[in-house]
Protein backbone atom coordinates (compact mmCIF):
# COMPACT_ATOMS: atom_id res chain seq x y z
CA UNK A 1 91.12 80.85 76.60
CA UNK A 2 91.11 84.24 74.88
CA UNK A 3 93.86 86.41 76.41
CA UNK A 4 97.54 85.49 75.94
CA UNK A 5 99.57 85.41 79.14
CA UNK A 6 101.49 88.56 80.01
CA UNK A 7 103.65 87.07 82.80
CA UNK A 8 105.47 83.79 82.17
CA UNK A 9 103.38 80.76 83.16
CA UNK A 10 103.88 79.31 86.61
CA UNK A 11 102.90 75.86 85.34
CA UNK A 12 103.20 74.17 81.95
CA UNK A 13 101.11 71.03 81.36
CA UNK A 14 102.42 68.76 78.61
CA UNK A 15 100.12 66.14 77.05
CA UNK A 16 101.52 63.71 74.46
CA UNK A 17 98.85 62.69 71.97
CA UNK A 18 98.62 60.06 69.26
CA UNK A 19 95.22 59.47 67.62
CA UNK A 20 93.30 60.77 70.63
CA UNK A 21 90.32 62.29 68.80
CA UNK A 22 87.82 60.68 71.19
CA UNK A 23 89.58 61.78 74.38
CA UNK A 24 91.56 64.93 73.72
CA UNK A 25 88.73 67.48 74.15
CA UNK A 26 87.41 66.07 77.47
CA UNK A 27 91.01 65.90 78.69
CA UNK A 28 91.68 69.53 77.76
CA UNK A 29 88.41 70.54 79.42
CA UNK A 30 89.25 68.76 82.68
CA UNK A 31 92.77 70.18 82.80
CA UNK A 32 91.61 73.71 81.98
CA UNK A 33 88.95 73.62 84.69
CA UNK A 34 91.30 72.53 87.46
CA UNK A 35 94.40 74.50 86.53
CA UNK A 36 92.47 77.72 85.95
CA UNK A 37 90.81 77.36 89.35
CA UNK A 38 94.26 77.49 90.99
CA UNK A 39 94.51 81.16 90.05
CA UNK A 40 98.02 80.96 88.59
CA UNK A 41 99.08 81.71 85.02
CA UNK A 42 99.59 78.43 83.18
CA UNK A 43 99.91 77.03 79.68
CA UNK A 44 98.90 73.79 77.99
CA UNK A 45 101.11 72.06 75.41
CA UNK A 46 99.74 69.25 73.26
CA UNK A 47 102.68 67.34 71.80
CA UNK A 48 101.23 65.42 68.87
CA UNK A 49 103.05 62.28 67.77
CA UNK A 50 102.04 62.13 64.12
CA UNK A 51 98.32 61.54 64.59
CA UNK A 52 96.40 60.40 61.51
CA UNK A 53 92.91 61.02 62.90
CA UNK A 54 91.20 64.31 63.81
CA UNK A 55 93.30 65.03 66.91
CA UNK A 56 95.27 67.89 65.35
CA UNK A 57 92.27 69.62 63.78
CA UNK A 58 90.21 69.36 66.97
CA UNK A 59 92.94 71.02 69.03
CA UNK A 60 93.55 73.72 66.41
CA UNK A 61 89.87 74.54 66.20
CA UNK A 62 89.80 75.43 69.89
CA UNK A 63 92.00 78.47 69.22
CA UNK A 64 92.84 78.84 72.90
CA UNK A 65 95.30 81.67 73.46
CA UNK A 66 97.49 79.75 75.90
CA UNK A 67 97.39 76.34 74.26
CA UNK A 68 100.30 75.35 72.02
CA UNK A 69 100.12 72.46 69.58
CA UNK A 70 103.40 70.82 68.57
CA UNK A 71 102.84 68.74 65.43
CA UNK A 72 105.14 65.90 64.42
CA UNK A 73 105.45 64.93 60.78
CA UNK A 74 105.51 61.24 61.66
CA UNK A 75 104.95 58.90 64.58
CA UNK A 76 108.23 58.66 66.49
CA UNK A 77 107.11 57.40 69.89
CA UNK A 78 105.75 58.70 73.15
CA UNK A 79 109.20 59.51 74.53
CA UNK A 80 109.90 61.75 71.57
CA UNK A 81 106.58 63.56 71.92
CA UNK A 82 107.06 64.18 75.63
CA UNK A 83 110.65 65.36 75.05
CA UNK A 84 109.51 67.98 72.53
CA UNK A 85 106.79 69.21 74.85
CA UNK A 86 108.93 69.36 77.97
CA UNK A 87 111.77 71.19 76.23
CA UNK A 88 109.29 73.73 74.82
CA UNK A 89 107.66 74.42 78.20
CA UNK A 90 108.12 77.87 79.76
CA UNK A 91 106.62 77.27 83.21
CA UNK A 92 108.54 77.20 86.49
CA UNK A 93 106.90 73.81 87.01
CA UNK A 94 106.32 71.36 84.17
CA UNK A 95 103.81 68.52 84.41
CA UNK A 96 103.72 65.58 82.03
CA UNK A 97 100.32 63.84 82.02
CA UNK A 98 98.82 61.15 79.80
CA UNK A 99 96.04 62.07 77.39
CA UNK A 100 93.68 59.45 78.81
CA UNK A 101 93.58 61.15 82.24
CA UNK A 102 94.06 57.81 84.01
CA UNK A 103 95.52 59.95 86.77
CA UNK A 104 93.04 62.84 87.17
CA UNK A 105 94.49 66.34 86.95
CA UNK A 106 93.24 67.01 90.49
CA UNK A 107 96.21 64.93 91.68
CA UNK A 108 98.52 67.75 90.53
CA UNK A 109 98.21 69.48 93.90
CA UNK A 110 99.77 66.50 95.69
CA UNK A 111 102.84 66.62 93.46
CA UNK A 112 103.16 70.41 93.62
CA UNK A 113 103.28 70.26 97.43
CA UNK A 114 106.46 68.17 97.26
CA UNK A 115 108.08 70.56 94.78
CA UNK A 116 107.35 73.30 97.32
CA UNK A 117 109.09 71.12 99.91
CA UNK A 118 112.31 71.17 97.89
CA UNK A 119 112.14 68.23 95.47
CA UNK A 120 113.09 68.62 91.80
CA UNK A 121 111.15 65.68 90.37
CA UNK A 122 107.94 64.19 91.76
CA UNK A 123 106.55 60.97 90.28
CA UNK A 124 102.94 59.98 90.67
CA UNK A 125 102.76 56.36 91.76
CA UNK A 126 100.26 53.52 91.56
CA UNK A 127 102.49 51.37 93.79
CA UNK A 128 103.23 53.68 96.71
CA UNK A 129 101.29 53.17 99.92
CA UNK A 130 98.03 55.11 99.76
CA UNK A 131 97.56 54.89 95.99
CA UNK A 132 94.12 54.04 94.64
CA UNK A 133 94.08 51.82 91.55
CA UNK A 134 90.90 50.80 89.70
CA UNK A 135 90.37 48.56 86.70
CA UNK A 136 93.93 47.30 86.30
CA UNK A 137 93.91 43.83 84.75
CA UNK A 138 95.59 40.84 86.39
CA UNK A 139 98.05 40.61 83.48
CA UNK A 140 99.09 44.24 83.88
CA UNK A 141 99.46 43.84 87.66
CA UNK A 142 101.72 40.80 87.32
CA UNK A 143 103.86 42.40 84.62
CA UNK A 144 104.16 45.64 86.58
CA UNK A 145 105.42 43.84 89.68
CA UNK A 146 107.98 41.91 87.66
CA UNK A 147 109.27 45.01 85.93
CA UNK A 148 109.49 46.92 89.21
CA UNK A 149 111.68 44.17 90.63
CA UNK A 150 114.02 44.33 87.63
CA UNK A 151 114.28 48.12 87.83
CA UNK A 152 114.93 48.16 91.57
CA UNK A 153 117.69 45.56 91.43
CA UNK A 154 119.31 46.57 88.17
CA UNK A 155 119.09 50.37 88.27
CA UNK A 156 118.91 51.34 91.90
CA UNK A 157 115.91 53.60 91.30
CA UNK A 158 113.93 54.09 94.49
CA UNK A 159 110.71 55.09 92.71
CA UNK A 160 108.50 51.99 92.81
CA UNK A 161 106.35 52.95 89.81
CA UNK A 162 108.48 54.41 87.04
CA UNK A 163 105.78 54.19 84.35
CA UNK A 164 102.86 56.15 85.77
CA UNK A 165 102.12 58.90 83.24
CA UNK A 166 101.94 61.73 85.73
CA UNK A 167 105.20 63.45 86.72
CA UNK A 168 106.11 66.97 87.80
CA UNK A 169 109.47 68.69 87.32
CA UNK A 170 111.05 72.01 88.08
CA UNK A 171 111.89 73.85 84.88
CA UNK A 172 115.64 73.35 85.32
CA UNK A 173 115.23 69.61 85.90
CA UNK A 174 112.88 69.24 82.93
CA UNK A 175 115.23 71.08 80.59
CA UNK A 176 118.30 69.07 81.52
CA UNK A 177 116.70 65.66 81.85
CA UNK A 178 114.65 65.76 78.67
CA UNK A 179 117.40 67.29 76.55
CA UNK A 180 119.59 64.37 77.69
CA UNK A 181 116.96 61.62 77.38
CA UNK A 182 117.29 59.42 74.28
CA UNK A 183 114.63 56.69 74.43
CA UNK A 184 111.63 57.37 72.19
CA UNK A 185 109.38 54.53 73.38
CA UNK A 186 107.35 53.90 76.54
CA UNK A 187 110.49 53.38 78.65
CA UNK A 188 111.46 57.05 78.51
CA UNK A 189 110.05 57.48 82.06
CA UNK A 190 112.55 54.99 83.41
CA UNK A 191 115.40 56.67 81.54
CA UNK A 192 114.46 60.10 82.90
CA UNK A 193 114.35 58.82 86.48
CA UNK A 194 117.65 57.00 85.94
CA UNK A 195 119.23 60.24 84.72
CA UNK A 196 117.69 62.20 87.60
CA UNK A 197 119.32 59.85 90.10
CA UNK A 198 122.76 60.15 88.52
CA UNK A 199 122.54 63.89 87.97
CA UNK A 200 121.80 64.46 91.64
CA UNK A 201 118.22 65.72 91.44
CA UNK A 202 115.99 65.25 94.46
CA UNK A 203 113.27 62.77 93.47
CA UNK A 204 110.09 61.99 95.39
CA UNK A 205 107.21 59.60 94.81
CA UNK A 206 103.63 60.31 95.80
CA UNK A 207 100.60 57.97 95.74
CA UNK A 208 97.89 58.98 93.29
CA UNK A 209 94.46 57.92 92.16
CA UNK A 210 94.64 55.88 88.94
CA UNK A 211 91.84 54.46 86.80
CA UNK A 212 92.44 52.19 83.81
CA UNK A 213 90.92 54.35 81.09
CA UNK A 214 88.66 52.57 78.58
CA UNK A 215 89.87 52.42 75.02
CA UNK A 216 93.55 52.02 75.83
CA UNK A 217 95.51 50.60 72.90
CA UNK A 218 98.51 49.57 74.99
CA UNK A 219 99.47 45.90 74.63
CA UNK A 220 100.89 45.17 78.10
CA UNK A 221 102.91 42.11 77.07
CA UNK A 222 104.38 43.82 73.98
CA UNK A 223 105.25 46.96 75.90
CA UNK A 224 106.90 44.89 78.64
CA UNK A 225 109.22 43.21 76.13
CA UNK A 226 110.09 46.61 74.68
CA UNK A 227 110.71 47.84 78.22
CA UNK A 228 113.23 45.07 78.88
CA UNK A 229 115.05 45.85 75.62
CA UNK A 230 115.18 49.51 76.58
CA UNK A 231 116.73 48.62 79.94
CA UNK A 232 119.68 47.18 78.07
CA UNK A 233 119.75 50.19 75.75
CA UNK A 234 119.91 52.61 78.68
CA UNK A 235 122.78 50.66 80.20
CA UNK A 236 124.58 50.69 76.86
CA UNK A 237 124.04 54.42 76.44
CA UNK A 238 125.57 54.95 79.87
CA UNK A 239 128.60 52.73 79.16
CA UNK A 240 129.22 54.39 75.79
CA UNK A 241 128.98 57.87 77.27
CA UNK A 242 126.07 58.92 75.08
CA UNK A 243 124.35 60.83 77.85
CA UNK A 244 127.48 62.85 78.53
CA UNK A 245 127.79 63.74 74.86
CA UNK A 246 124.11 64.65 74.64
CA UNK A 247 124.47 67.23 77.45
CA UNK A 248 127.84 67.50 79.23
CA UNK A 249 127.58 67.59 83.01
CA UNK A 250 130.32 67.10 85.56
CA UNK A 251 127.65 65.98 88.04
CA UNK A 252 126.94 62.78 86.11
CA UNK A 253 128.52 60.12 88.28
CA UNK A 254 128.50 56.37 88.60
């Protein structure tokens, strides 16, 4: 809180935020409590997405020595916010987590164990066996199952839940994947996992606890339509070679 890190952080935690004035301080408090208890140097990055409420001022007023606030001049989408945060991270491990803490920060330890086992990307999952899901509406459950079927058949991604906002990366994987990623909307998770598969990163999925946070402004039906449009956009980007131009890599295969 008061002393800047001398060694580089072991872990960077990236939180995208857009008009989160009611949730951002409790979220920062929960993350700080758990991550500090691990006894490793770590940093917190709040990647603002053009908030128009008090989110920015609340975070600035904390004046925490190891908290960085990245401010966007305008709202450009969650994918853009996460990209800026992940590319700015200095930790050996980089966690992306949603501001609503639907997946509690305590689940971090499960993901970190698989990084220690040799994986490059670990996705928290609400669909994997052993996951605990509370408060998810019937509409969201039906839409999620439908979208998972489309992703599995059309993209060959083995992760059953691409959209859970809780994913851990090695620094190298985070830097390459997020500097290549192009989608600015909610489908950026899918794009990152798609790129990870083609770039040869080892990807694992781990069941997590997930609670539908009150006050969510996500319109499930609207987001699902955007998701389907982004599926086509990702395919088009691949066909046109836009990912190769964004970050050349001879490992990017079919």
